[in-house]
Amino acid sequence: AYPDALDARIDDKNVVRLETTRTWIDLQSHPADVKKLIQRSTADWKVIRQYHEDQNEQHDKLIIMQKRLKTAKKKTVKAEEATKSLAERIGELEDADKTISGFIENEIRKHQGGLKEKVAEVKERLKAFQVLQEAKNKELLFDLSTAKDRGDIANTILEMKTEELRRLFKESLKNTERLGKELQAERLRKELST
C-alpha cells in the first residue's frame, strides 16, 4: 500500500498546516535506507498531525473554559452585588431596630410611673374587695348556719306534729270502731225491743 504523502506548511499565524498531496511514492523503486527514511518521515508527520489535532481540541476546550469562566465571573459579580445590597438592607434594618427599641424604651419609661401608681391602686382595691368579701362570706356562713339550725328545729317540730297526728289518727280509728260497735249494739237493741 502506498501512503499519502504529507505536505507541511506554516501559515500566516504560525500554525503548521498538514495536507496530503495525494502523490503516491513507489517504495519498491527506492533503496532500503530511503524506504526507511520515507516511512519514518511519514510516521513523524502523522505524529505532528495528531499533535496539531490535539492542540486544536485543547484550544476548543480552552475557549469553552474561558466562556465558563466569564459566566462564572458575571455570576460572582451579581452575587457580590446582591450580597452588598443585602448587607446594606441588613444595616438599614438594624438601624430601624435600634430606633424602634429606643422609642419603646422611652415609652416604657414614660408610662412606668403611671403604671406603678395604677398597680398600687389596683392592689388597694383588691385588698378592700377581699376584706368586703370576707365579711360577706362570714355573714353568709352565719346565715347558712342559722338556716340549718332553723331547718333542724323545723324538722324536729314537724316530726313531733307527725307523731301527734299519727297518734290522733289511731285514736280516731279506735273511737270510730268503738262508736260503730256501739251503734250496731244500739240498733240490735232497738230491733229486739220491737
N, C-alpha and C. Protein backbone atom coordinates (compact mmCIF):
# COMPACT_ATOMS: atom_id res chain seq x y z
N ALA A 1 0.85 -1.18 0.00
CA ALA A 1 0.00 0.00 0.00
C ALA A 1 0.88 1.22 0.00
N TYR A 2 0.40 2.23 -0.66
CA TYR A 2 1.16 3.47 -0.77
C TYR A 2 0.50 4.54 0.10
N PRO A 3 1.20 5.01 1.12
CA PRO A 3 0.60 6.07 1.97
C PRO A 3 0.55 7.40 1.24
N ASP A 4 -0.41 8.27 1.72
CA ASP A 4 -0.45 9.63 1.16
C ASP A 4 0.81 10.36 1.57
N ALA A 5 1.34 11.12 0.66
CA ALA A 5 2.48 11.96 1.02
C ALA A 5 1.95 13.16 1.77
N LEU A 6 2.63 13.58 2.81
CA LEU A 6 2.19 14.71 3.64
C LEU A 6 2.94 15.97 3.24
N ASP A 7 2.20 17.07 3.18
CA ASP A 7 2.81 18.35 2.86
C ASP A 7 2.60 19.25 4.07
N ALA A 8 3.66 19.71 4.66
CA ALA A 8 3.55 20.55 5.85
C ALA A 8 3.90 21.97 5.49
N ARG A 9 3.04 22.92 5.92
CA ARG A 9 3.30 24.34 5.67
C ARG A 9 2.99 25.13 6.93
N ILE A 10 3.64 26.26 7.04
CA ILE A 10 3.36 27.17 8.15
C ILE A 10 2.59 28.34 7.57
N ASP A 11 1.39 28.61 8.10
CA ASP A 11 0.58 29.71 7.56
C ASP A 11 0.96 31.03 8.22
N ASP A 12 0.17 32.10 7.91
CA ASP A 12 0.48 33.45 8.40
C ASP A 12 0.42 33.55 9.92
N LYS A 13 -0.34 32.68 10.55
CA LYS A 13 -0.49 32.75 12.01
C LYS A 13 0.48 31.81 12.72
N ASN A 14 1.48 31.35 12.00
CA ASN A 14 2.48 30.42 12.52
C ASN A 14 1.88 29.10 12.98
N VAL A 15 0.84 28.67 12.29
CA VAL A 15 0.22 27.39 12.59
C VAL A 15 0.67 26.41 11.52
N VAL A 16 1.11 25.24 11.95
CA VAL A 16 1.54 24.22 10.99
C VAL A 16 0.31 23.59 10.38
N ARG A 17 0.22 23.61 9.07
CA ARG A 17 -0.91 23.01 8.36
C ARG A 17 -0.41 21.78 7.63
N LEU A 18 -1.09 20.69 7.84
CA LEU A 18 -0.70 19.44 7.18
C LEU A 18 -1.70 19.10 6.11
N GLU A 19 -1.25 18.77 4.97
CA GLU A 19 -2.14 18.39 3.88
C GLU A 19 -1.54 17.20 3.15
N THR A 20 -2.41 16.36 2.66
CA THR A 20 -1.91 15.23 1.85
C THR A 20 -1.81 15.69 0.40
N THR A 21 -0.78 15.26 -0.26
CA THR A 21 -0.57 15.68 -1.65
C THR A 21 -1.18 14.70 -2.63
N ARG A 22 -1.61 13.56 -2.10
CA ARG A 22 -2.19 12.52 -2.93
C ARG A 22 -1.18 12.05 -4.00
N THR A 23 0.03 12.25 -3.68
CA THR A 23 1.07 11.76 -4.59
C THR A 23 1.55 10.42 -4.05
N TRP A 24 1.58 9.45 -4.89
CA TRP A 24 1.98 8.11 -4.48
C TRP A 24 3.48 7.94 -4.66
N ILE A 25 4.08 7.34 -3.69
CA ILE A 25 5.52 7.08 -3.78
C ILE A 25 5.69 5.57 -3.93
N ASP A 26 6.41 5.18 -4.91
CA ASP A 26 6.67 3.75 -5.13
C ASP A 26 7.89 3.37 -4.30
N LEU A 27 7.60 2.76 -3.12
CA LEU A 27 8.68 2.42 -2.22
C LEU A 27 9.58 1.32 -2.79
N GLN A 28 9.02 0.55 -3.68
CA GLN A 28 9.80 -0.56 -4.24
C GLN A 28 10.98 -0.04 -5.09
N SER A 29 10.79 1.10 -5.70
CA SER A 29 11.84 1.61 -6.60
C SER A 29 12.96 2.33 -5.87
N HIS A 30 12.82 2.48 -4.55
CA HIS A 30 13.85 3.19 -3.78
C HIS A 30 14.64 2.18 -2.96
N PRO A 31 15.89 2.53 -2.65
CA PRO A 31 16.70 1.64 -1.83
C PRO A 31 16.11 1.53 -0.41
N ALA A 32 16.55 0.52 0.35
CA ALA A 32 16.01 0.23 1.68
C ALA A 32 16.18 1.40 2.65
N ASP A 33 17.35 2.06 2.62
CA ASP A 33 17.54 3.18 3.56
C ASP A 33 16.63 4.34 3.23
N VAL A 34 16.33 4.55 1.95
CA VAL A 34 15.39 5.62 1.56
C VAL A 34 13.98 5.22 1.98
N LYS A 35 13.67 3.92 1.82
CA LYS A 35 12.34 3.44 2.25
C LYS A 35 12.14 3.73 3.73
N LYS A 36 13.17 3.38 4.54
CA LYS A 36 13.07 3.60 5.99
C LYS A 36 12.91 5.08 6.30
N LEU A 37 13.67 5.91 5.58
CA LEU A 37 13.59 7.36 5.80
C LEU A 37 12.20 7.89 5.47
N ILE A 38 11.64 7.42 4.36
CA ILE A 38 10.29 7.86 3.96
C ILE A 38 9.26 7.37 4.98
N GLN A 39 9.42 6.12 5.41
CA GLN A 39 8.46 5.58 6.39
C GLN A 39 8.55 6.36 7.71
N ARG A 40 9.79 6.66 8.13
CA ARG A 40 9.95 7.43 9.37
C ARG A 40 9.36 8.83 9.21
N SER A 41 9.62 9.43 8.06
CA SER A 41 9.09 10.77 7.80
C SER A 41 7.57 10.76 7.83
N THR A 42 6.98 9.73 7.22
CA THR A 42 5.51 9.62 7.22
C THR A 42 5.00 9.45 8.64
N ALA A 43 5.66 8.59 9.41
CA ALA A 43 5.26 8.38 10.81
C ALA A 43 5.40 9.66 11.61
N ASP A 44 6.51 10.40 11.37
CA ASP A 44 6.71 11.67 12.09
C ASP A 44 5.62 12.66 11.75
N TRP A 45 5.24 12.72 10.46
CA TRP A 45 4.19 13.65 10.07
C TRP A 45 2.84 13.25 10.66
N LYS A 46 2.63 11.95 10.81
CA LYS A 46 1.38 11.51 11.46
C LYS A 46 1.34 11.96 12.91
N VAL A 47 2.49 11.87 13.57
CA VAL A 47 2.58 12.34 14.97
C VAL A 47 2.33 13.83 15.03
N ILE A 48 2.94 14.56 14.08
CA ILE A 48 2.75 16.02 14.05
C ILE A 48 1.29 16.35 13.79
N ARG A 49 0.67 15.63 12.85
CA ARG A 49 -0.74 15.88 12.55
C ARG A 49 -1.60 15.60 13.79
N GLN A 50 -1.31 14.48 14.47
CA GLN A 50 -2.07 14.14 15.69
C GLN A 50 -1.87 15.21 16.76
N TYR A 51 -0.63 15.69 16.89
CA TYR A 51 -0.33 16.76 17.85
C TYR A 51 -1.13 18.01 17.52
N HIS A 52 -1.16 18.35 16.23
CA HIS A 52 -1.90 19.53 15.78
C HIS A 52 -3.40 19.38 16.08
N GLU A 53 -3.95 18.20 15.82
CA GLU A 53 -5.37 17.96 16.12
C GLU A 53 -5.63 18.05 17.62
N ASP A 54 -4.69 17.49 18.39
CA ASP A 54 -4.83 17.58 19.86
C ASP A 54 -4.78 19.03 20.32
N GLN A 55 -3.90 19.82 19.71
CA GLN A 55 -3.80 21.23 20.08
C GLN A 55 -5.09 21.98 19.74
N ASN A 56 -5.66 21.66 18.56
CA ASN A 56 -6.94 22.29 18.20
C ASN A 56 -8.03 21.92 19.19
N GLU A 57 -8.05 20.64 19.57
CA GLU A 57 -9.05 20.19 20.55
C GLU A 57 -8.85 20.89 21.89
N GLN A 58 -7.58 21.00 22.32
CA GLN A 58 -7.28 21.69 23.57
C GLN A 58 -7.66 23.17 23.47
N HIS A 59 -7.44 23.77 22.29
CA HIS A 59 -7.81 25.17 22.07
C HIS A 59 -9.32 25.35 22.20
N ASP A 60 -10.09 24.42 21.60
CA ASP A 60 -11.56 24.48 21.72
C ASP A 60 -12.00 24.36 23.17
N LYS A 61 -11.36 23.42 23.88
CA LYS A 61 -11.68 23.24 25.31
C LYS A 61 -11.34 24.50 26.10
N LEU A 62 -10.20 25.11 25.75
CA LEU A 62 -9.78 26.34 26.43
C LEU A 62 -10.80 27.45 26.20
N ILE A 63 -11.30 27.57 24.97
CA ILE A 63 -12.31 28.60 24.67
C ILE A 63 -13.58 28.34 25.49
N ILE A 64 -13.99 27.06 25.56
CA ILE A 64 -15.18 26.72 26.37
C ILE A 64 -14.94 27.08 27.83
N MET A 65 -13.75 26.75 28.34
CA MET A 65 -13.43 27.06 29.73
C MET A 65 -13.41 28.57 29.97
N GLN A 66 -12.88 29.33 28.99
CA GLN A 66 -12.86 30.79 29.12
C GLN A 66 -14.28 31.35 29.17
N LYS A 67 -15.17 30.78 28.33
CA LYS A 67 -16.57 31.22 28.35
C LYS A 67 -17.21 30.91 29.71
N ARG A 68 -16.93 29.71 30.20
CA ARG A 68 -17.47 29.33 31.52
C ARG A 68 -16.92 30.25 32.61
N LEU A 69 -15.64 30.57 32.49
CA LEU A 69 -15.02 31.46 33.47
C LEU A 69 -15.67 32.84 33.44
N LYS A 70 -15.93 33.36 32.21
CA LYS A 70 -16.61 34.66 32.09
C LYS A 70 -18.00 34.61 32.73
N THR A 71 -18.73 33.50 32.43
CA THR A 71 -20.07 33.34 33.01
C THR A 71 -19.98 33.28 34.53
N ALA A 72 -19.01 32.52 35.04
CA ALA A 72 -18.83 32.40 36.50
C ALA A 72 -18.48 33.76 37.11
N LYS A 73 -17.63 34.54 36.39
CA LYS A 73 -17.27 35.87 36.89
C LYS A 73 -18.50 36.77 36.95
N LYS A 74 -19.34 36.70 35.89
CA LYS A 74 -20.57 37.50 35.88
C LYS A 74 -21.46 37.12 37.06
N LYS A 75 -21.59 35.79 37.27
CA LYS A 75 -22.42 35.33 38.39
C LYS A 75 -21.84 35.78 39.72
N THR A 76 -20.50 35.73 39.82
CA THR A 76 -19.84 36.16 41.05
C THR A 76 -20.08 37.65 41.29
N VAL A 77 -19.98 38.44 40.22
CA VAL A 77 -20.22 39.89 40.34
C VAL A 77 -21.66 40.13 40.80
N LYS A 78 -22.62 39.41 40.17
CA LYS A 78 -24.03 39.57 40.57
C LYS A 78 -24.23 39.15 42.02
N ALA A 79 -23.59 38.03 42.42
CA ALA A 79 -23.71 37.56 43.80
C ALA A 79 -23.12 38.58 44.77
N GLU A 80 -21.97 39.16 44.39
CA GLU A 80 -21.35 40.18 45.25
C GLU A 80 -22.25 41.41 45.37
N GLU A 81 -22.86 41.80 44.24
CA GLU A 81 -23.78 42.95 44.28
C GLU A 81 -24.98 42.63 45.17
N ALA A 82 -25.52 41.40 45.02
CA ALA A 82 -26.67 41.01 45.85
C ALA A 82 -26.27 40.97 47.32
N THR A 83 -25.06 40.46 47.60
CA THR A 83 -24.57 40.41 48.98
C THR A 83 -24.41 41.82 49.55
N LYS A 84 -23.86 42.70 48.72
CA LYS A 84 -23.68 44.10 49.16
C LYS A 84 -25.04 44.74 49.44
N SER A 85 -25.99 44.51 48.52
CA SER A 85 -27.34 45.06 48.70
C SER A 85 -27.98 44.50 49.96
N LEU A 86 -27.80 43.19 50.16
CA LEU A 86 -28.36 42.55 51.36
C LEU A 86 -27.72 43.11 52.63
N ALA A 87 -26.40 43.31 52.59
CA ALA A 87 -25.70 43.87 53.75
C ALA A 87 -26.22 45.27 54.06
N GLU A 88 -26.44 46.07 52.99
CA GLU A 88 -26.99 47.42 53.19
C GLU A 88 -28.39 47.34 53.81
N ARG A 89 -29.20 46.42 53.30
CA ARG A 89 -30.57 46.26 53.82
C ARG A 89 -30.54 45.82 55.28
N ILE A 90 -29.62 44.89 55.60
CA ILE A 90 -29.48 44.44 56.99
C ILE A 90 -29.07 45.61 57.87
N GLY A 91 -28.15 46.44 57.37
CA GLY A 91 -27.73 47.63 58.12
C GLY A 91 -28.91 48.56 58.37
N GLU A 92 -29.73 48.77 57.33
CA GLU A 92 -30.93 49.62 57.49
C GLU A 92 -31.88 49.03 58.53
N LEU A 93 -32.08 47.71 58.45
CA LEU A 93 -32.98 47.06 59.41
C LEU A 93 -32.44 47.16 60.84
N GLU A 94 -31.12 47.01 60.99
CA GLU A 94 -30.52 47.14 62.32
C GLU A 94 -30.71 48.55 62.86
N ASP A 95 -30.51 49.55 61.98
CA ASP A 95 -30.74 50.95 62.39
C ASP A 95 -32.19 51.16 62.80
N ALA A 96 -33.11 50.61 61.98
CA ALA A 96 -34.54 50.75 62.30
C ALA A 96 -34.86 50.06 63.62
N ASP A 97 -34.23 48.90 63.85
CA ASP A 97 -34.45 48.17 65.10
C ASP A 97 -33.96 48.99 66.30
N LYS A 98 -32.79 49.61 66.14
CA LYS A 98 -32.27 50.46 67.22
C LYS A 98 -33.22 51.62 67.50
N THR A 99 -33.72 52.24 66.43
CA THR A 99 -34.64 53.37 66.59
C THR A 99 -35.92 52.93 67.30
N ILE A 100 -36.48 51.81 66.83
CA ILE A 100 -37.73 51.32 67.43
C ILE A 100 -37.51 50.90 68.87
N SER A 101 -36.39 50.21 69.14
CA SER A 101 -36.09 49.79 70.51
C SER A 101 -35.96 51.00 71.43
N GLY A 102 -35.26 52.03 70.94
CA GLY A 102 -35.12 53.26 71.74
C GLY A 102 -36.46 53.90 72.01
N PHE A 103 -37.31 53.96 70.98
CA PHE A 103 -38.64 54.55 71.14
C PHE A 103 -39.46 53.76 72.17
N ILE A 104 -39.41 52.44 72.07
CA ILE A 104 -40.17 51.59 73.00
C ILE A 104 -39.67 51.79 74.43
N GLU A 105 -38.35 51.82 74.60
CA GLU A 105 -37.79 52.02 75.94
C GLU A 105 -38.22 53.37 76.51
N ASN A 106 -38.20 54.41 75.67
CA ASN A 106 -38.65 55.74 76.13
C ASN A 106 -40.12 55.70 76.55
N GLU A 107 -40.94 55.05 75.73
CA GLU A 107 -42.37 54.96 76.06
C GLU A 107 -42.58 54.19 77.36
N ILE A 108 -41.80 53.12 77.54
CA ILE A 108 -41.92 52.33 78.79
C ILE A 108 -41.54 53.19 79.98
N ARG A 109 -40.45 53.95 79.83
CA ARG A 109 -40.03 54.82 80.94
C ARG A 109 -41.11 55.87 81.26
N LYS A 110 -41.71 56.43 80.18
CA LYS A 110 -42.75 57.44 80.38
C LYS A 110 -43.92 56.86 81.17
N HIS A 111 -44.32 55.66 80.78
CA HIS A 111 -45.53 55.08 81.37
C HIS A 111 -45.27 54.26 82.63
N GLN A 112 -44.00 54.04 82.95
CA GLN A 112 -43.69 53.20 84.10
C GLN A 112 -44.21 53.80 85.41
N GLY A 113 -44.03 55.12 85.57
CA GLY A 113 -44.52 55.78 86.79
C GLY A 113 -46.03 55.64 86.91
N GLY A 114 -46.73 55.93 85.83
CA GLY A 114 -48.19 55.80 85.83
C GLY A 114 -48.62 54.36 86.08
N LEU A 115 -47.88 53.43 85.52
CA LEU A 115 -48.21 52.02 85.72
C LEU A 115 -48.05 51.62 87.19
N LYS A 116 -46.97 52.11 87.82
CA LYS A 116 -46.76 51.80 89.24
C LYS A 116 -47.93 52.31 90.08
N GLU A 117 -48.36 53.55 89.78
CA GLU A 117 -49.49 54.12 90.52
C GLU A 117 -50.75 53.29 90.29
N LYS A 118 -50.99 52.90 89.04
CA LYS A 118 -52.19 52.11 88.74
C LYS A 118 -52.13 50.75 89.41
N VAL A 119 -50.94 50.14 89.43
CA VAL A 119 -50.79 48.84 90.09
C VAL A 119 -51.06 48.98 91.58
N ALA A 120 -50.54 50.06 92.19
CA ALA A 120 -50.78 50.28 93.63
C ALA A 120 -52.27 50.48 93.89
N GLU A 121 -52.93 51.24 93.01
CA GLU A 121 -54.37 51.47 93.15
C GLU A 121 -55.15 50.16 93.03
N VAL A 122 -54.76 49.36 92.06
CA VAL A 122 -55.44 48.06 91.87
C VAL A 122 -55.23 47.18 93.10
N LYS A 123 -54.01 47.20 93.66
CA LYS A 123 -53.72 46.40 94.86
C LYS A 123 -54.61 46.84 96.02
N GLU A 124 -54.75 48.17 96.20
CA GLU A 124 -55.60 48.68 97.28
C GLU A 124 -57.05 48.25 97.08
N ARG A 125 -57.53 48.38 95.85
CA ARG A 125 -58.91 47.97 95.56
C ARG A 125 -59.10 46.48 95.82
N LEU A 126 -58.09 45.71 95.45
CA LEU A 126 -58.16 44.27 95.66
C LEU A 126 -58.21 43.93 97.15
N LYS A 127 -57.40 44.63 97.94
CA LYS A 127 -57.42 44.40 99.39
C LYS A 127 -58.79 44.75 99.97
N ALA A 128 -59.33 45.91 99.55
CA ALA A 128 -60.65 46.32 100.04
C ALA A 128 -61.71 45.30 99.62
N PHE A 129 -61.61 44.82 98.39
CA PHE A 129 -62.57 43.81 97.91
C PHE A 129 -62.45 42.53 98.73
N GLN A 130 -61.21 42.13 99.04
CA GLN A 130 -61.01 40.91 99.84
C GLN A 130 -61.62 41.06 101.23
N VAL A 131 -61.40 42.23 101.86
CA VAL A 131 -61.97 42.46 103.19
C VAL A 131 -63.49 42.41 103.13
N LEU A 132 -64.07 43.09 102.14
CA LEU A 132 -65.53 43.11 101.97
C LEU A 132 -66.05 41.70 101.71
N GLN A 133 -65.33 40.97 100.87
CA GLN A 133 -65.77 39.61 100.53
C GLN A 133 -65.69 38.70 101.74
N GLU A 134 -64.65 38.86 102.55
CA GLU A 134 -64.53 38.05 103.78
C GLU A 134 -65.70 38.33 104.71
N ALA A 135 -66.07 39.62 104.84
CA ALA A 135 -67.21 39.98 105.70
C ALA A 135 -68.49 39.35 105.15
N LYS A 136 -68.67 39.44 103.83
CA LYS A 136 -69.87 38.84 103.22
C LYS A 136 -69.88 37.33 103.41
N ASN A 137 -68.69 36.72 103.25
CA ASN A 137 -68.60 35.27 103.43
C ASN A 137 -68.96 34.87 104.86
N LYS A 138 -68.46 35.64 105.84
CA LYS A 138 -68.79 35.35 107.25
C LYS A 138 -70.29 35.47 107.48
N GLU A 139 -70.87 36.55 106.93
CA GLU A 139 -72.31 36.77 107.08
C GLU A 139 -73.10 35.62 106.43
N LEU A 140 -72.63 35.22 105.27
CA LEU A 140 -73.30 34.13 104.56
C LEU A 140 -73.19 32.82 105.34
N LEU A 141 -72.00 32.57 105.89
CA LEU A 141 -71.82 31.36 106.70
C LEU A 141 -72.74 31.39 107.93
N PHE A 142 -72.85 32.57 108.55
CA PHE A 142 -73.75 32.70 109.71
C PHE A 142 -75.20 32.44 109.30
N ASP A 143 -75.60 33.05 108.15
CA ASP A 143 -76.96 32.83 107.66
C ASP A 143 -77.21 31.36 107.36
N LEU A 144 -76.21 30.71 106.75
CA LEU A 144 -76.35 29.28 106.45
C LEU A 144 -76.47 28.46 107.72
N SER A 145 -75.63 28.80 108.69
CA SER A 145 -75.67 28.08 109.98
C SER A 145 -77.01 28.28 110.66
N THR A 146 -77.50 29.54 110.65
CA THR A 146 -78.80 29.85 111.26
C THR A 146 -79.91 29.11 110.53
N ALA A 147 -79.84 29.13 109.21
CA ALA A 147 -80.87 28.44 108.42
C ALA A 147 -80.84 26.95 108.70
N LYS A 148 -79.65 26.40 108.85
CA LYS A 148 -79.55 24.97 109.15
C LYS A 148 -80.17 24.68 110.51
N ASP A 149 -79.84 25.55 111.49
CA ASP A 149 -80.42 25.36 112.83
C ASP A 149 -81.94 25.46 112.76
N ARG A 150 -82.43 26.47 112.01
CA ARG A 150 -83.88 26.63 111.87
C ARG A 150 -84.49 25.40 111.19
N GLY A 151 -83.78 24.91 110.18
CA GLY A 151 -84.25 23.71 109.47
C GLY A 151 -84.31 22.52 110.41
N ASP A 152 -83.26 22.39 111.23
CA ASP A 152 -83.25 21.27 112.19
C ASP A 152 -84.42 21.39 113.16
N ILE A 153 -84.65 22.64 113.65
CA ILE A 153 -85.77 22.86 114.59
C ILE A 153 -87.09 22.56 113.90
N ALA A 154 -87.22 23.05 112.65
CA ALA A 154 -88.47 22.82 111.91
C ALA A 154 -88.69 21.33 111.67
N ASN A 155 -87.62 20.62 111.36
CA ASN A 155 -87.74 19.17 111.16
C ASN A 155 -88.17 18.47 112.44
N THR A 156 -87.58 18.90 113.56
CA THR A 156 -87.95 18.30 114.85
C THR A 156 -89.42 18.55 115.15
N ILE A 157 -89.86 19.81 114.95
CA ILE A 157 -91.28 20.15 115.20
C ILE A 157 -92.18 19.36 114.27
N LEU A 158 -91.76 19.24 113.00
CA LEU A 158 -92.56 18.50 112.02
C LEU A 158 -92.69 17.03 112.42
N GLU A 159 -91.58 16.46 112.89
CA GLU A 159 -91.63 15.06 113.34
C GLU A 159 -92.57 14.91 114.54
N MET A 160 -92.48 15.90 115.45
CA MET A 160 -93.37 15.83 116.64
C MET A 160 -94.83 15.93 116.21
N LYS A 161 -95.12 16.86 115.33
CA LYS A 161 -96.51 17.04 114.87
C LYS A 161 -96.98 15.79 114.13
N THR A 162 -96.05 15.20 113.32
CA THR A 162 -96.42 13.98 112.57
C THR A 162 -96.76 12.86 113.54
N GLU A 163 -95.95 12.70 114.57
CA GLU A 163 -96.21 11.66 115.57
C GLU A 163 -97.56 11.91 116.27
N GLU A 164 -97.80 13.19 116.58
CA GLU A 164 -99.07 13.53 117.25
C GLU A 164 -100.25 13.23 116.35
N LEU A 165 -100.11 13.56 115.05
CA LEU A 165 -101.19 13.28 114.09
C LEU A 165 -101.41 11.78 113.95
N ARG A 166 -100.33 11.02 113.94
CA ARG A 166 -100.47 9.55 113.86
C ARG A 166 -101.24 9.03 115.09
N ARG A 167 -100.83 9.55 116.25
CA ARG A 167 -101.50 9.12 117.49
C ARG A 167 -102.98 9.47 117.47
N LEU A 168 -103.25 10.74 117.02
CA LEU A 168 -104.65 11.17 116.96
C LEU A 168 -105.44 10.33 115.94
N PHE A 169 -104.77 10.00 114.81
CA PHE A 169 -105.44 9.20 113.79
C PHE A 169 -105.77 7.81 114.34
N LYS A 170 -104.82 7.22 115.08
CA LYS A 170 -105.06 5.89 115.67
C LYS A 170 -106.21 5.96 116.68
N GLU A 171 -106.19 7.02 117.49
CA GLU A 171 -107.28 7.18 118.47
C GLU A 171 -108.62 7.36 117.77
N SER A 172 -108.57 8.14 116.68
CA SER A 172 -109.79 8.38 115.91
C SER A 172 -110.32 7.08 115.33
N LEU A 173 -109.40 6.23 114.83
CA LEU A 173 -109.82 4.93 114.30
C LEU A 173 -110.45 4.08 115.40
N LYS A 174 -109.79 4.07 116.55
CA LYS A 174 -110.33 3.28 117.67
C LYS A 174 -111.71 3.80 118.08
N ASN A 175 -111.81 5.15 118.16
CA ASN A 175 -113.10 5.74 118.56
C ASN A 175 -114.18 5.43 117.52
N THR A 176 -113.79 5.51 116.24
CA THR A 176 -114.76 5.23 115.18
C THR A 176 -115.20 3.78 115.26
N GLU A 177 -114.25 2.90 115.49
CA GLU A 177 -114.57 1.48 115.62
C GLU A 177 -115.48 1.24 116.83
N ARG A 178 -115.15 1.89 117.91
CA ARG A 178 -115.95 1.74 119.13
C ARG A 178 -117.35 2.28 118.92
N LEU A 179 -117.43 3.47 118.28
CA LEU A 179 -118.75 4.06 118.02
C LEU A 179 -119.56 3.19 117.08
N GLY A 180 -118.84 2.62 116.08
CA GLY A 180 -119.53 1.72 115.14
C GLY A 180 -120.13 0.53 115.87
N LYS A 181 -119.36 -0.04 116.80
CA LYS A 181 -119.84 -1.19 117.57
C LYS A 181 -121.01 -0.77 118.46
N GLU A 182 -120.90 0.40 119.07
CA GLU A 182 -121.98 0.88 119.95
C GLU A 182 -123.26 1.10 119.15
N LEU A 183 -123.12 1.69 117.95
CA LEU A 183 -124.30 1.93 117.10
C LEU A 183 -124.94 0.61 116.68
N GLN A 184 -124.12 -0.34 116.38
CA GLN A 184 -124.64 -1.64 115.99
C GLN A 184 -125.38 -2.28 117.17
N ALA A 185 -124.79 -2.15 118.32
CA ALA A 185 -125.42 -2.72 119.51
C ALA A 185 -126.73 -2.01 119.78
N GLU A 186 -126.77 -0.71 119.59
CA GLU A 186 -127.99 0.08 119.81
C GLU A 186 -129.06 -0.33 118.82
N ARG A 187 -128.71 -0.56 117.58
CA ARG A 187 -129.67 -0.99 116.56
C ARG A 187 -130.23 -2.37 116.91
N LEU A 188 -129.34 -3.21 117.36
CA LEU A 188 -129.78 -4.55 117.75
C LEU A 188 -130.78 -4.46 118.91
N ARG A 189 -130.51 -3.61 119.82
CA ARG A 189 -131.39 -3.44 120.97
C ARG A 189 -132.74 -2.91 120.52
N LYS A 190 -132.72 -1.99 119.61
CA LYS A 190 -133.99 -1.44 119.12
C LYS A 190 -134.77 -2.51 118.38
N GLU A 191 -134.06 -3.26 117.61
CA GLU A 191 -134.75 -4.31 116.86
C GLU A 191 -135.30 -5.37 117.81
N LEU A 192 -134.58 -5.66 118.82
CA LEU A 192 -135.03 -6.68 119.76
C LEU A 192 -136.21 -6.15 120.61
N SER A 193 -136.18 -4.93 120.91
CA SER A 193 -137.25 -4.39 121.73
C SER A 193 -138.54 -4.20 120.92
N THR A 194 -138.48 -4.16 119.68
CA THR A 194 -139.70 -4.03 118.89
C THR A 194 -140.27 -5.32 118.48
